[in-house]
Protein backbone atom coordinates (compact mmCIF):
# COMPACT_ATOMS: atom_id res chain seq x y z
CA UNK A 1 28.36 58.45 69.84
CA UNK A 2 24.61 58.14 70.28
CA UNK A 3 24.06 60.06 67.07
CA UNK A 4 26.32 57.63 65.14
CA UNK A 5 24.43 54.65 66.54
CA UNK A 6 21.13 56.23 65.47
CA UNK A 7 22.41 56.87 61.94
CA UNK A 8 23.67 53.27 61.62
CA UNK A 9 20.34 51.83 62.82
CA UNK A 10 18.41 54.06 60.43
CA UNK A 11 20.64 53.00 57.52
CA UNK A 12 20.10 49.32 58.34
CA UNK A 13 16.35 49.75 58.50
CA UNK A 14 16.25 51.61 55.19
CA UNK A 15 18.37 48.99 53.44
CA UNK A 16 16.11 46.20 54.72
CA UNK A 17 13.07 48.01 53.33
CA UNK A 18 14.62 48.17 49.86
CA UNK A 19 15.31 44.45 49.50
CA UNK A 20 13.11 42.49 47.10
CA UNK A 21 10.38 40.43 48.75
CA UNK A 22 11.16 36.88 49.75
CA UNK A 23 9.54 34.47 47.23
CA UNK A 24 8.06 32.63 50.21
CA UNK A 25 6.16 35.82 51.14
CA UNK A 26 5.16 36.86 47.63
CA UNK A 27 5.72 34.03 45.13
CA UNK A 28 5.71 35.04 41.50
CA UNK A 29 4.25 32.82 38.81
CA UNK A 30 6.59 34.19 36.15
CA UNK A 31 9.79 34.23 38.22
CA UNK A 32 9.30 31.29 40.59
CA UNK A 33 6.68 28.81 39.34
CA UNK A 34 6.87 28.95 35.55
CA UNK A 35 10.58 27.98 35.51
CA UNK A 36 9.73 24.84 37.51
CA UNK A 37 6.93 23.92 35.10
CA UNK A 38 9.03 24.74 32.04
CA UNK A 39 11.94 22.58 33.19
CA UNK A 40 9.92 19.61 34.43
CA UNK A 41 6.36 19.59 33.08
CA UNK A 42 5.87 21.42 29.78
CA UNK A 43 7.30 18.63 27.62
CA UNK A 44 4.19 16.58 28.50
CA UNK A 45 1.79 19.41 29.41
CA UNK A 46 2.58 22.19 26.95
CA UNK A 47 1.48 23.57 23.60
CA UNK A 48 2.59 20.51 21.61
CA UNK A 49 1.50 17.68 23.94
CA UNK A 50 -1.25 17.79 26.58
CA UNK A 51 -1.39 14.56 28.55
CA UNK A 52 -4.74 14.45 30.31
CA UNK A 53 -5.64 17.71 28.56
CA UNK A 54 -3.55 19.55 31.16
CA UNK A 55 -1.34 22.43 30.08
CA UNK A 56 1.18 24.11 32.33
CA UNK A 57 2.82 26.54 29.91
CA UNK A 58 0.99 29.71 30.97
CA UNK A 59 -0.88 30.99 33.99
CA UNK A 60 -4.21 30.88 32.13
CA UNK A 61 -3.67 27.25 31.17
CA UNK A 62 -2.54 26.26 34.67
CA UNK A 63 -5.80 27.59 36.07
CA UNK A 64 -7.96 25.52 33.65
CA UNK A 65 -9.28 21.99 34.17
CA UNK A 66 -8.02 18.87 32.49
CA UNK A 67 -9.89 15.94 30.98
CA UNK A 68 -11.11 14.80 34.39
CA UNK A 69 -12.70 18.25 35.03
CA UNK A 70 -10.67 18.64 38.24
CA UNK A 71 -9.12 22.10 38.47
CA UNK A 72 -5.36 22.09 38.08
CA UNK A 73 -5.10 24.72 40.79
CA UNK A 74 -7.50 25.88 43.47
CA UNK A 75 -6.14 29.21 44.68
CA UNK A 76 -5.38 29.11 48.39
CA UNK A 77 -5.70 25.31 48.60
CA UNK A 78 -2.60 23.49 47.39
CA UNK A 79 -3.58 20.17 48.96
CA UNK A 80 -6.86 20.24 46.99
CA UNK A 81 -5.17 21.21 43.70
CA UNK A 82 -4.60 18.40 41.21
CA UNK A 83 -1.29 19.82 40.00
CA UNK A 84 0.24 20.06 43.45
CA UNK A 85 -1.15 16.70 44.64
CA UNK A 86 0.39 14.93 41.64
CA UNK A 87 3.73 16.63 42.28
CA UNK A 88 3.60 15.98 46.04
CA UNK A 89 2.63 12.33 45.63
CA UNK A 90 5.43 11.70 43.11
CA UNK A 91 3.06 10.94 40.21
CA UNK A 92 4.54 13.78 38.19
CA UNK A 93 6.88 14.31 36.56
CA UNK A 94 7.37 10.72 35.40
CA UNK A 95 11.16 11.18 35.26
CA UNK A 96 11.17 11.37 39.05
CA UNK A 97 9.87 13.52 41.85
CA UNK A 98 10.63 17.20 41.96
CA UNK A 99 13.10 18.21 44.68
CA UNK A 100 11.41 19.37 47.87
CA UNK A 101 12.37 23.02 47.32
CA UNK A 102 10.64 23.05 43.91
CA UNK A 103 7.58 21.37 45.37
CA UNK A 104 7.48 24.07 48.05
CA UNK A 105 7.62 26.80 45.42
CA UNK A 106 4.49 25.42 43.74
CA UNK A 107 2.75 24.74 47.06
CA UNK A 108 3.49 28.19 48.42
CA UNK A 109 2.39 29.93 45.22
CA UNK A 110 -0.95 28.11 45.28
CA UNK A 111 -1.51 28.71 48.98
CA UNK A 112 -0.73 32.42 48.55
CA UNK A 113 -3.51 32.77 45.96
CA UNK A 114 -1.99 31.43 42.70
CA UNK A 115 -1.62 34.97 41.35
CA UNK A 116 -0.60 35.80 37.80
CA UNK A 117 2.39 37.91 38.73
């Protein structure tokens, strides 16, 4: 009986180790953040139109500055990043504020280093 319990516990531990990381622990620009920007921001901040000279259609563009020379994103500091502040404060997108979960995706990605992953 003890042996069966040990085998079950070992199997549970191994299966937990093989699960993909939680986006909250390791947010991905490509998988988590870019879909938010593509759905809500790129029509005004993309390759065809760049309001305020901000582009949000690629990681490289997100990390640039806009016309006001304020960085879009300051890695590790969401509350100091123009992109997140505008989303958080409801300034962007103009169609209405992003749902809280989408705001958290952007915030968490920035605070975790704004990696190009």
